[in-house]
N, C-alpha and C. Protein backbone atom coordinates (compact mmCIF):
# COMPACT_ATOMS: atom_id res chain seq x y z
N MET A 1 1.59 31.29 19.58
CA MET A 1 1.55 29.85 19.30
C MET A 1 2.89 29.54 18.25
N ASN A 2 3.53 28.26 18.52
CA ASN A 2 4.62 27.94 18.27
C ASN A 2 3.83 27.42 16.72
N SER A 3 3.47 28.67 15.08
CA SER A 3 3.40 27.80 14.14
C SER A 3 3.57 26.85 13.50
N ARG A 4 4.86 26.63 13.56
CA ARG A 4 5.49 25.20 13.32
C ARG A 4 4.65 24.01 13.44
N LEU A 5 4.31 24.14 14.94
CA LEU A 5 3.80 23.05 15.74
C LEU A 5 2.41 22.75 15.03
N GLU A 6 1.69 24.14 15.13
CA GLU A 6 0.36 23.99 14.77
C GLU A 6 -0.05 23.31 13.80
N LYS A 7 1.33 24.17 12.18
CA LYS A 7 1.08 23.17 10.81
C LYS A 7 1.30 21.72 11.00
N GLN A 8 1.94 21.44 12.06
CA GLN A 8 2.37 19.91 11.74
C GLN A 8 0.82 19.21 12.40
N LEU A 9 0.52 19.53 13.76
CA LEU A 9 -0.54 18.87 14.49
C LEU A 9 -1.87 19.44 13.66
N ALA A 10 -2.11 20.01 12.72
CA ALA A 10 -3.32 20.39 11.45
C ALA A 10 -3.25 19.39 10.57
N LEU A 11 -1.89 18.88 10.14
CA LEU A 11 -1.63 17.73 9.34
C LEU A 11 -1.98 16.37 10.03
N VAL A 12 -1.95 16.09 10.86
CA VAL A 12 -2.15 15.11 11.75
C VAL A 12 -3.54 15.01 12.07
N ILE A 13 -4.06 15.97 12.39
CA ILE A 13 -5.61 15.60 12.41
C ILE A 13 -6.28 15.71 11.05
N GLU A 14 -5.78 16.07 10.22
CA GLU A 14 -6.44 16.26 8.65
C GLU A 14 -6.20 14.47 8.37
N LEU A 15 -5.08 13.70 8.58
CA LEU A 15 -4.81 12.10 8.11
C LEU A 15 -5.55 11.80 8.88
N ASP A 16 -6.32 12.03 10.44
CA ASP A 16 -7.31 11.02 11.05
C ASP A 16 -8.17 10.51 9.66
N GLN A 17 -8.43 11.10 9.19
CA GLN A 17 -10.14 10.60 7.72
C GLN A 17 -9.05 9.36 7.25
N LEU A 18 -8.26 9.38 7.05
CA LEU A 18 -7.42 7.87 6.44
C LEU A 18 -8.40 6.18 7.07
N LYS A 19 -8.62 7.02 8.34
CA LYS A 19 -9.40 6.39 9.24
C LYS A 19 -10.69 5.54 8.20
N SER A 20 -11.00 6.31 7.36
CA SER A 20 -12.49 6.23 7.31
C SER A 20 -12.79 5.65 5.63
N VAL A 21 -11.63 5.74 5.40
CA VAL A 21 -11.06 5.45 3.77
C VAL A 21 -11.32 4.04 3.33
N LEU A 22 -12.42 3.44 2.75
CA LEU A 22 -12.51 1.85 2.83
C LEU A 22 -11.53 1.67 1.50
N ARG A 23 -11.03 0.61 1.90
CA ARG A 23 -10.12 -0.47 0.92
C ARG A 23 -11.11 -1.57 0.42
N ARG A 24 -10.83 -2.45 -0.75
CA ARG A 24 -11.65 -3.49 -1.08
C ARG A 24 -11.32 -4.60 -0.47
N ASN A 25 -10.14 -4.48 0.62
CA ASN A 25 -9.40 -6.09 1.41
C ASN A 25 -10.33 -5.99 2.50
N HIS A 26 -10.74 -7.52 2.96
CA HIS A 26 -11.61 -7.62 4.22
C HIS A 26 -10.49 -7.92 5.24
N VAL A 27 -10.89 -7.57 6.40
CA VAL A 27 -10.11 -7.80 7.33
C VAL A 27 -10.47 -9.22 8.19
N LYS A 28 -9.37 -9.86 8.49
CA LYS A 28 -9.82 -11.46 8.37
C LYS A 28 -10.40 -11.70 10.34
N SER A 29 -9.55 -10.50 10.59
CA SER A 29 -9.90 -10.69 12.62
C SER A 29 -11.22 -10.18 12.64
N ALA A 30 -11.78 -9.45 11.78
CA ALA A 30 -13.04 -8.58 12.29
C ALA A 30 -14.36 -8.76 11.27
N GLY A 31 -14.73 -10.32 11.41
CA GLY A 31 -16.04 -10.75 10.83
C GLY A 31 -15.98 -10.65 9.61
N GLY A 32 -14.87 -10.26 8.79
CA GLY A 32 -14.60 -10.31 7.11
C GLY A 32 -15.30 -8.55 6.48
N ARG A 33 -15.39 -7.35 7.81
CA ARG A 33 -15.41 -6.56 7.77
C ARG A 33 -14.49 -5.69 6.53
N LEU A 34 -14.59 -4.60 5.81
CA LEU A 34 -13.39 -3.79 4.49
C LEU A 34 -12.73 -3.10 6.01
N GLU A 35 -11.58 -3.08 5.17
CA GLU A 35 -10.07 -2.46 5.83
C GLU A 35 -9.65 -1.20 5.34
N ASN A 36 -9.35 -0.12 6.57
CA ASN A 36 -9.52 1.34 5.80
C ASN A 36 -7.89 1.51 5.87
N SER A 37 -8.07 2.42 5.40
CA SER A 37 -6.47 2.54 4.96
C SER A 37 -5.33 3.21 6.28
N ALA A 38 -6.05 3.70 7.36
CA ALA A 38 -5.27 4.02 8.11
C ALA A 38 -4.37 2.60 8.62
N GLU A 39 -5.20 1.40 9.29
CA GLU A 39 -5.30 0.07 9.45
C GLU A 39 -3.79 -0.45 8.91
N HIS A 40 -4.52 -0.50 6.87
CA HIS A 40 -3.45 -0.78 6.20
C HIS A 40 -2.07 -0.40 6.24
N SER A 41 -1.56 0.40 6.74
CA SER A 41 -0.25 1.72 6.35
C SER A 41 0.13 1.10 7.53
N TRP A 42 -0.44 0.72 8.56
CA TRP A 42 -0.04 0.28 9.88
C TRP A 42 0.85 -1.06 10.05
N HIS A 43 -0.32 -2.02 9.51
CA HIS A 43 -0.40 -3.12 9.31
C HIS A 43 1.11 -3.50 8.28
N VAL A 44 1.33 -3.49 6.80
CA VAL A 44 2.28 -3.06 6.30
C VAL A 44 4.00 -2.52 6.71
N ALA A 45 3.35 -1.47 7.42
CA ALA A 45 4.90 -1.28 7.80
C ALA A 45 5.28 -1.64 9.20
N LEU A 46 4.61 -2.59 10.19
CA LEU A 46 5.16 -3.36 11.02
C LEU A 46 5.13 -4.85 10.08
N MET A 47 4.89 -5.40 8.94
CA MET A 47 5.59 -6.10 8.31
C MET A 47 6.86 -6.36 7.53
N ALA A 48 7.23 -5.00 7.14
CA ALA A 48 8.57 -4.31 6.87
C ALA A 48 9.41 -4.50 8.22
N ILE A 49 9.21 -4.47 9.40
CA ILE A 49 10.07 -4.79 10.42
C ILE A 49 9.93 -5.70 10.39
N LEU A 50 9.29 -6.93 10.14
CA LEU A 50 9.09 -8.35 10.43
C LEU A 50 10.19 -8.98 9.30
N MET A 51 9.49 -8.63 7.77
CA MET A 51 10.03 -9.40 7.06
C MET A 51 11.31 -8.37 6.54
N GLU A 52 12.25 -7.93 7.18
CA GLU A 52 13.31 -7.27 6.34
C GLU A 52 14.65 -8.04 6.13
N GLU A 53 14.71 -9.33 6.57
CA GLU A 53 15.46 -10.41 6.04
C GLU A 53 15.33 -10.99 4.39
N TYR A 54 13.93 -10.69 4.26
CA TYR A 54 13.91 -10.68 2.67
C TYR A 54 13.89 -9.99 1.90
N THR A 55 14.57 -8.88 2.01
CA THR A 55 15.08 -8.37 0.77
C THR A 55 16.20 -8.67 -0.27
N ASN A 56 16.02 -8.30 -1.50
CA ASN A 56 16.54 -8.68 -2.71
C ASN A 56 18.24 -7.67 -2.35
N GLU A 57 17.49 -6.59 -2.49
CA GLU A 57 19.31 -5.61 -1.95
C GLU A 57 19.16 -4.97 -0.69
N PRO A 58 20.09 -4.73 0.12
CA PRO A 58 20.28 -4.64 1.41
C PRO A 58 19.38 -2.73 1.33
N VAL A 59 18.29 -2.30 2.35
CA VAL A 59 17.51 -1.11 2.48
C VAL A 59 17.72 -0.86 3.98
N ASP A 60 17.35 0.72 3.54
CA ASP A 60 17.15 1.40 5.07
C ASP A 60 15.56 1.36 5.67
N ILE A 61 15.54 0.10 6.67
CA ILE A 61 14.33 -0.32 7.10
C ILE A 61 13.68 0.69 7.52
N THR A 62 14.09 2.04 8.13
CA THR A 62 13.88 2.89 8.54
C THR A 62 12.66 3.77 7.06
N ARG A 63 13.62 4.19 6.67
CA ARG A 63 13.12 4.36 5.38
C ARG A 63 11.86 3.94 4.89
N VAL A 64 11.96 2.39 4.71
CA VAL A 64 11.15 1.73 3.99
C VAL A 64 9.59 1.81 4.89
N VAL A 65 9.87 1.74 6.47
CA VAL A 65 8.81 2.07 6.85
C VAL A 65 8.22 3.21 6.80
N LYS A 66 9.07 4.33 6.59
CA LYS A 66 8.68 5.61 6.06
C LYS A 66 7.65 5.89 5.17
N MET A 67 8.46 4.85 3.80
CA MET A 67 7.09 5.02 3.00
C MET A 67 6.30 4.72 3.12
N LEU A 68 5.87 3.22 3.93
CA LEU A 68 5.11 3.02 3.47
C LEU A 68 3.57 3.52 4.40
N LEU A 69 4.34 4.02 5.67
CA LEU A 69 3.21 5.08 6.80
C LEU A 69 2.58 5.94 5.86
N LEU A 70 3.66 6.68 4.85
CA LEU A 70 3.25 7.85 3.81
C LEU A 70 2.48 7.58 2.62
N HIS A 71 2.46 6.83 2.43
CA HIS A 71 2.74 5.89 0.85
C HIS A 71 0.93 6.45 0.30
N ASP A 72 0.09 5.87 1.34
CA ASP A 72 -1.23 6.41 1.03
C ASP A 72 -1.96 7.11 1.95
N VAL A 73 -1.56 8.41 2.45
CA VAL A 73 -1.86 9.54 2.89
C VAL A 73 -2.80 9.91 1.51
N VAL A 74 -2.22 9.98 0.46
CA VAL A 74 -3.24 11.09 -0.59
C VAL A 74 -4.57 10.63 -0.50
N GLU A 75 -4.75 9.28 -0.07
CA GLU A 75 -6.17 8.68 0.11
C GLU A 75 -7.09 9.10 0.43
N VAL A 76 -6.52 10.40 1.49
CA VAL A 76 -7.18 11.28 2.41
C VAL A 76 -7.96 12.05 1.25
N ASP A 77 -7.97 12.50 0.03
CA ASP A 77 -8.34 13.32 -1.50
C ASP A 77 -8.85 12.83 -2.12
N ALA A 78 -7.35 11.79 -2.67
CA ALA A 78 -7.65 11.01 -4.12
C ALA A 78 -8.48 9.53 -3.26
N GLY A 79 -8.60 9.18 -3.03
CA GLY A 79 -9.59 7.42 -2.39
C GLY A 79 -9.00 7.00 -2.33
N ASP A 80 -9.40 5.30 -2.50
CA ASP A 80 -8.45 4.10 -2.39
C ASP A 80 -8.85 4.47 -4.39
N THR A 81 -7.58 3.38 -5.02
CA THR A 81 -8.17 2.78 -5.97
C THR A 81 -7.84 1.48 -6.31
N PHE A 82 -8.94 0.73 -6.67
CA PHE A 82 -8.64 -1.27 -6.66
C PHE A 82 -7.49 -1.21 -7.29
N VAL A 83 -6.69 -2.10 -7.17
CA VAL A 83 -5.16 -2.37 -8.20
C VAL A 83 -5.68 -3.03 -9.22
N TYR A 84 -6.84 -3.77 -9.43
CA TYR A 84 -7.06 -4.38 -10.85
C TYR A 84 -7.85 -3.58 -11.18
N ASP A 85 -8.38 -2.69 -11.41
CA ASP A 85 -9.59 -1.40 -11.91
C ASP A 85 -8.28 -1.15 -12.70
N ALA A 86 -8.13 -1.44 -14.04
CA ALA A 86 -7.08 -0.31 -14.72
C ALA A 86 -7.78 0.98 -15.53
N ALA A 87 -9.02 1.10 -15.27
CA ALA A 87 -9.16 2.28 -15.72
C ALA A 87 -8.92 3.31 -14.37
N ALA A 88 -9.72 3.34 -13.67
CA ALA A 88 -9.25 3.90 -12.56
C ALA A 88 -7.76 3.99 -11.77
N SER A 89 -7.32 2.78 -11.85
CA SER A 89 -5.56 3.10 -11.71
C SER A 89 -5.11 4.49 -12.75
N ALA A 90 -5.58 3.95 -14.06
CA ALA A 90 -4.74 5.00 -15.03
C ALA A 90 -5.40 6.80 -14.57
N LYS A 91 -6.36 7.24 -14.10
CA LYS A 91 -6.52 8.09 -13.94
C LYS A 91 -5.68 8.57 -12.26
N GLN A 92 -5.86 8.02 -11.58
CA GLN A 92 -5.56 7.91 -9.91
C GLN A 92 -4.38 9.05 -10.23
N GLY A 93 -3.37 8.73 -10.56
CA GLY A 93 -1.75 9.65 -10.94
C GLY A 93 -2.08 11.23 -10.39
N GLU A 94 -3.01 11.88 -11.51
CA GLU A 94 -3.19 13.18 -11.42
C GLU A 94 -3.72 13.64 -9.78
N LYS A 95 -4.79 12.76 -9.57
CA LYS A 95 -5.48 12.66 -8.29
C LYS A 95 -4.59 12.78 -7.23
N GLU A 96 -3.44 11.98 -7.13
CA GLU A 96 -2.98 12.02 -6.08
C GLU A 96 -1.80 12.55 -5.76
N LEU A 97 -1.40 13.23 -7.31
CA LEU A 97 -0.23 14.65 -7.08
C LEU A 97 -1.22 15.44 -6.51
N ALA A 98 -2.05 15.68 -7.08
CA ALA A 98 -2.66 17.08 -6.47
C ALA A 98 -3.13 16.94 -4.85
N ALA A 99 -3.03 15.98 -4.19
CA ALA A 99 -2.77 15.29 -2.88
C ALA A 99 -1.90 15.94 -2.14
N VAL A 100 -1.06 14.96 -3.03
CA VAL A 100 0.30 15.39 -1.76
C VAL A 100 0.46 16.67 -1.79
N ALA A 101 0.31 17.65 -2.90
CA ALA A 101 0.82 18.94 -3.01
C ALA A 101 -0.12 19.74 -1.47
N ARG A 102 -1.34 19.40 -1.51
CA ARG A 102 -2.31 20.00 -0.89
C ARG A 102 -1.70 19.81 0.94
N LEU A 103 -1.59 18.34 1.28
CA LEU A 103 -1.21 17.40 2.37
C LEU A 103 -0.18 18.23 2.54
N PHE A 104 1.28 17.54 1.94
CA PHE A 104 2.43 18.22 2.47
C PHE A 104 2.63 19.37 2.81
N GLY A 105 1.33 20.36 1.80
CA GLY A 105 1.83 21.75 1.58
C GLY A 105 1.43 22.45 3.13
N MET A 106 0.46 21.58 3.64
CA MET A 106 0.19 21.88 4.65
C MET A 106 1.19 22.23 5.67
N LEU A 107 1.86 21.46 5.76
CA LEU A 107 3.31 21.37 6.65
C LEU A 107 4.28 22.46 6.27
N PRO A 108 5.34 22.71 7.67
CA PRO A 108 6.44 23.50 7.12
C PRO A 108 6.99 23.04 6.09
N GLU A 109 7.26 24.35 5.15
CA GLU A 109 7.95 23.35 3.47
C GLU A 109 8.95 23.03 3.48
N ASP A 110 10.54 23.05 4.50
CA ASP A 110 11.49 21.70 4.48
C ASP A 110 10.60 20.54 5.01
N GLN A 111 9.79 20.09 5.57
CA GLN A 111 9.24 18.98 6.37
C GLN A 111 8.30 18.63 5.44
N GLY A 112 7.50 19.84 4.51
CA GLY A 112 6.61 18.89 3.72
C GLY A 112 7.61 18.81 2.02
N GLU A 113 8.57 19.30 1.64
CA GLU A 113 9.12 18.91 0.88
C GLU A 113 10.04 17.03 0.88
N LYS A 114 10.70 17.08 2.48
CA LYS A 114 11.33 15.81 2.25
C LYS A 114 10.18 14.62 2.43
N LEU A 115 9.32 14.89 2.93
CA LEU A 115 8.09 13.98 3.00
C LEU A 115 7.65 13.51 1.52
N LYS A 116 7.13 14.55 0.76
CA LYS A 116 7.18 14.52 -0.56
C LYS A 116 7.94 14.19 -1.27
N ALA A 117 9.48 13.99 -1.11
CA ALA A 117 10.32 13.26 -2.15
C ALA A 117 10.07 11.68 -1.59
N VAL A 118 10.14 11.61 -0.67
CA VAL A 118 9.85 10.14 0.27
C VAL A 118 8.46 9.38 -0.55
N TRP A 119 7.43 10.12 -0.92
CA TRP A 119 6.33 9.24 -1.48
C TRP A 119 6.69 9.46 -2.58
N LEU A 120 7.04 10.22 -3.35
CA LEU A 120 7.27 10.22 -4.58
C LEU A 120 8.32 9.19 -5.21
N GLU A 121 10.13 8.54 -3.93
CA GLU A 121 10.71 7.83 -4.32
C GLU A 121 10.02 6.31 -4.46
N PHE A 122 8.65 6.17 -3.48
CA PHE A 122 7.99 5.18 -3.55
C PHE A 122 7.50 4.89 -4.45
N GLU A 123 6.82 5.92 -4.90
CA GLU A 123 5.48 5.79 -6.45
C GLU A 123 6.62 5.54 -7.53
N ALA A 124 7.93 6.04 -7.51
CA ALA A 124 8.43 5.83 -8.81
C ALA A 124 9.07 4.10 -8.70
N GLY A 125 9.11 3.36 -7.17
CA GLY A 125 9.68 2.08 -7.37
C GLY A 125 10.90 1.97 -7.89
N GLN A 126 12.00 2.69 -8.02
CA GLN A 126 13.38 2.47 -8.10
C GLN A 126 14.72 2.35 -7.59
N SER A 127 14.11 2.84 -6.20
CA SER A 127 15.26 2.53 -5.30
C SER A 127 14.88 0.67 -4.74
N ALA A 128 15.99 0.15 -3.63
CA ALA A 128 15.87 -0.73 -3.44
C ALA A 128 14.99 -0.19 -2.26
N ASP A 129 15.02 0.69 -1.63
CA ASP A 129 13.85 0.84 -0.70
C ASP A 129 12.60 0.47 -0.68
N ALA A 130 12.16 1.52 -2.04
CA ALA A 130 10.96 1.49 -2.58
C ALA A 130 10.56 0.40 -3.40
N LYS A 131 11.68 -0.11 -3.82
CA LYS A 131 10.74 -1.63 -4.40
C LYS A 131 10.82 -2.92 -3.23
N PHE A 132 11.46 -2.50 -2.36
CA PHE A 132 10.81 -3.50 -0.86
C PHE A 132 9.44 -3.21 -0.48
N ALA A 133 9.38 -1.77 -0.42
CA ALA A 133 8.22 -1.11 0.08
C ALA A 133 7.12 -1.33 -0.45
N LYS A 134 7.02 -1.72 -1.96
CA LYS A 134 6.27 -2.13 -2.64
C LYS A 134 5.69 -3.27 -2.71
N ALA A 135 6.41 -3.85 -2.42
CA ALA A 135 6.45 -5.28 -2.79
C ALA A 135 5.33 -5.75 -1.18
N LEU A 136 6.07 -5.48 -0.65
CA LEU A 136 5.13 -5.42 0.59
C LEU A 136 3.23 -5.16 0.85
N ASP A 137 3.64 -3.94 0.03
CA ASP A 137 2.48 -3.12 -0.21
C ASP A 137 1.40 -4.27 -1.10
N ARG A 138 2.18 -5.18 -1.75
CA ARG A 138 1.19 -5.91 -2.44
C ARG A 138 0.88 -7.48 -1.93
N ILE A 139 2.10 -7.83 -1.14
CA ILE A 139 1.62 -9.00 -0.97
C ILE A 139 0.90 -9.09 0.38
N ILE A 140 1.17 -8.20 1.09
CA ILE A 140 0.06 -7.58 2.07
C ILE A 140 -1.44 -8.10 2.00
N ALA A 141 -1.44 -7.53 0.58
CA ALA A 141 -2.79 -7.63 0.06
C ALA A 141 -3.77 -8.87 -0.16
N MET A 142 -2.16 -9.90 -0.93
CA MET A 142 -2.87 -11.02 -1.11
C MET A 142 -3.04 -12.05 0.22
N LEU A 143 -2.06 -11.33 0.50
CA LEU A 143 -2.29 -12.38 1.67
C LEU A 143 -3.55 -12.15 2.69
N LEU A 144 -4.25 -10.80 2.96
CA LEU A 144 -5.73 -10.99 3.34
C LEU A 144 -6.57 -11.57 2.36
N ASN A 145 -6.38 -11.22 1.12
CA ASN A 145 -7.71 -12.33 0.27
C ASN A 145 -7.20 -13.77 0.23
N TYR A 146 -6.15 -14.45 0.80
CA TYR A 146 -6.14 -15.18 0.69
C TYR A 146 -6.76 -16.24 2.45
N HIS A 147 -6.37 -15.02 2.90
CA HIS A 147 -6.89 -16.01 4.74
C HIS A 147 -8.53 -15.20 5.08
N THR A 148 -8.74 -14.47 3.76
CA THR A 148 -10.35 -14.40 3.84
C THR A 148 -11.22 -15.67 2.62
N HIS A 149 -10.93 -16.12 2.08
CA HIS A 149 -11.41 -17.69 1.40
C HIS A 149 -11.38 -16.96 0.16
N GLY A 150 -10.54 -15.88 -0.17
CA GLY A 150 -10.63 -14.93 -1.74
C GLY A 150 -11.28 -13.98 -1.93
N GLN A 151 -12.27 -13.63 -1.15
CA GLN A 151 -13.58 -12.69 -0.63
C GLN A 151 -13.24 -11.34 -1.65
N CYS A 152 -12.19 -10.92 -1.69
CA CYS A 152 -12.13 -9.65 -2.75
C CYS A 152 -12.32 -10.39 -4.02
N TRP A 153 -11.76 -11.43 -4.21
CA TRP A 153 -11.07 -11.76 -5.65
C TRP A 153 -12.31 -12.58 -6.23
N GLN A 154 -12.81 -12.92 -5.63
CA GLN A 154 -13.91 -13.61 -5.50
C GLN A 154 -15.22 -12.21 -6.00
N GLU A 155 -15.12 -11.35 -5.25
CA GLU A 155 -16.23 -10.42 -5.50
C GLU A 155 -16.26 -9.51 -6.93
N HIS A 156 -14.91 -9.44 -6.88
CA HIS A 156 -14.53 -8.54 -8.19
C HIS A 156 -14.16 -9.32 -9.22
N GLY A 157 -14.23 -10.41 -9.01
CA GLY A 157 -14.05 -11.55 -10.48
C GLY A 157 -12.64 -11.24 -11.31
N VAL A 158 -11.61 -11.51 -10.31
CA VAL A 158 -10.05 -11.27 -10.69
C VAL A 158 -9.72 -12.45 -10.61
N ARG A 159 -9.07 -12.67 -12.29
CA ARG A 159 -8.00 -13.81 -12.62
C ARG A 159 -7.02 -14.39 -12.30
N LYS A 160 -6.49 -15.00 -12.11
CA LYS A 160 -4.76 -15.78 -12.07
C LYS A 160 -3.92 -14.89 -12.36
N GLU A 161 -4.40 -14.92 -13.86
CA GLU A 161 -3.31 -14.00 -14.42
C GLU A 161 -3.06 -12.49 -14.17
N GLN A 162 -4.67 -11.93 -14.05
CA GLN A 162 -4.42 -10.54 -13.07
C GLN A 162 -3.82 -9.99 -12.58
N ALA A 163 -3.81 -11.73 -11.00
CA ALA A 163 -2.95 -11.34 -9.67
C ALA A 163 -1.88 -11.73 -9.73
N LEU A 164 -1.21 -12.23 -10.85
CA LEU A 164 0.54 -12.51 -11.05
C LEU A 164 0.82 -11.30 -11.52
N THR A 165 -0.16 -11.13 -12.57
CA THR A 165 0.67 -9.64 -13.71
C THR A 165 0.60 -8.64 -12.78
N ILE A 166 -0.77 -8.18 -11.88
CA ILE A 166 -0.24 -7.15 -10.83
C ILE A 166 0.40 -7.31 -10.13
N ASN A 167 0.70 -7.97 -9.64
CA ASN A 167 1.45 -7.88 -8.16
C ASN A 167 3.37 -8.49 -8.71
N ARG A 168 3.02 -8.61 -9.93
CA ARG A 168 4.79 -9.09 -10.13
C ARG A 168 6.00 -8.38 -9.50
N CYS A 169 5.32 -6.64 -9.38
CA CYS A 169 6.67 -6.00 -8.94
C CYS A 169 6.95 -6.31 -7.56
N ILE A 170 6.57 -7.63 -6.89
CA ILE A 170 6.28 -8.13 -5.09
C ILE A 170 8.50 -8.72 -5.71
N GLU A 171 8.16 -9.23 -6.63
CA GLU A 171 9.69 -9.76 -6.87
C GLU A 171 10.80 -8.91 -7.29
N ASP A 172 10.38 -7.54 -7.65
CA ASP A 172 11.78 -6.57 -8.01
C ASP A 172 11.90 -6.33 -6.23
N GLY A 173 11.41 -6.41 -5.40
CA GLY A 173 11.28 -6.13 -3.71
C GLY A 173 12.38 -7.49 -2.94
N SER A 174 12.17 -8.60 -3.14
CA SER A 174 11.93 -9.91 -2.66
C SER A 174 11.27 -10.88 -3.29
N GLN A 175 12.54 -11.26 -3.73
CA GLN A 175 12.38 -12.83 -4.83
C GLN A 175 11.84 -13.90 -3.46
N VAL A 176 11.94 -13.71 -2.49
CA VAL A 176 11.37 -14.95 -1.19
C VAL A 176 9.72 -14.64 -1.29
N LEU A 177 9.56 -13.15 -1.77
CA LEU A 177 7.99 -13.05 -0.62
C LEU A 177 7.37 -13.26 -2.83
N TRP A 178 7.80 -13.23 -3.74
CA TRP A 178 7.76 -13.52 -5.27
C TRP A 178 6.81 -14.88 -5.00
N GLU A 179 7.91 -16.10 -4.71
CA GLU A 179 7.88 -17.42 -4.49
C GLU A 179 6.51 -17.51 -3.68
N LYS A 180 6.33 -16.47 -2.55
CA LYS A 180 5.39 -16.86 -1.39
C LYS A 180 4.07 -16.99 -2.02
N ALA A 181 4.24 -15.56 -2.74
CA ALA A 181 2.64 -15.07 -3.94
C ALA A 181 2.30 -15.59 -4.68
N LYS A 182 3.35 -16.68 -5.76
CA LYS A 182 2.95 -17.56 -6.33
C LYS A 182 2.57 -18.45 -6.10
N GLN A 183 2.63 -18.98 -5.09
CA GLN A 183 2.14 -20.23 -4.14
C GLN A 183 0.50 -19.68 -3.81
N ILE A 184 0.65 -18.25 -3.02
CA ILE A 184 -1.05 -18.06 -2.53
C ILE A 184 -1.28 -17.91 -3.69
N VAL A 185 -1.56 -18.02 -5.10
CA VAL A 185 -2.35 -17.21 -6.40
C VAL A 185 -2.43 -18.80 -6.70
N GLU A 186 -1.83 -20.12 -6.66
CA GLU A 186 -1.71 -21.52 -7.39
C GLU A 186 -3.02 -22.45 -6.21
N GLU A 187 -2.63 -21.88 -4.76
CA GLU A 187 -3.67 -22.66 -3.75
C GLU A 187 -4.86 -21.72 -3.63
N ALA A 188 -4.90 -20.61 -4.40
CA ALA A 188 -6.03 -19.54 -4.05
C ALA A 188 -7.25 -20.36 -5.79
N VAL A 189 -6.18 -20.62 -6.71
CA VAL A 189 -7.39 -21.45 -8.11
C VAL A 189 -7.53 -22.71 -7.66
N ILE A 190 -6.50 -23.84 -7.05
CA ILE A 190 -6.87 -24.53 -6.45
C ILE A 190 -8.35 -24.88 -5.33
N LYS A 191 -8.53 -23.95 -4.96
CA LYS A 191 -9.32 -24.10 -4.03
C LYS A 191 -10.67 -23.17 -3.87
N GLY A 192 -10.95 -22.70 -5.42
CA GLY A 192 -11.48 -21.98 -6.35
C GLY A 192 -11.90 -20.09 -6.04
N TRP A 193 -10.78 -19.59 -5.25
CA TRP A 193 -11.19 -18.50 -4.78
C TRP A 193 -10.39 -17.27 -5.82
N LEU A 194 -9.55 -18.02 -6.67
CA LEU A 194 -9.14 -17.29 -7.97
C LEU A 194 -9.45 -18.18 -9.43
N LYS A 195 -10.61 -17.23 -10.35
CA LYS A 195 -10.58 -17.94 -11.29
C LYS A 195 -9.15 -18.11 -12.24
N GLU A 196 -9.72 -19.43 -13.08
CA GLU A 196 -8.25 -19.79 -14.18
C GLU A 196 -8.08 -18.84 -15.07
């Protein structure tokens, strides 16, 4: 047997667990059930292809898609952290780094190191590709919240200022999407879905 292939296939099967990692956002089209991390990764990667024209700087859309497909694989081990939970978010980094080492360590070393570098670049959020990927990752959650009548925001008592502060990184990747995000927040406040 090809040991390289066996290692790659082992990770493919391990990542099947993302389908059972639940996020806090509700799925608009599925009666309000919670979204899982695999669905989120697919949805936001597709969004990158559709929204490429709205980047602040030129990006390599293939790299952006790769980042978005990889960014939450760590949730297999670390779980999902609610973006508005500051205490949990502070502890998440260490768990995610351990997950990166384990999961990408399952691969042949050359491939594992390349994918780990892409994941780390996304987390750092400094390159044009990472800034755009992070912007998409944040606005898609806002869109789902808005289109489920603020269900997640209301369940967790999220306030307008929190939504704007936590999602401000959208502006770094796309001014156009940041303007849309601010519009979403204002409309959600008017409709009573976000607290003032």
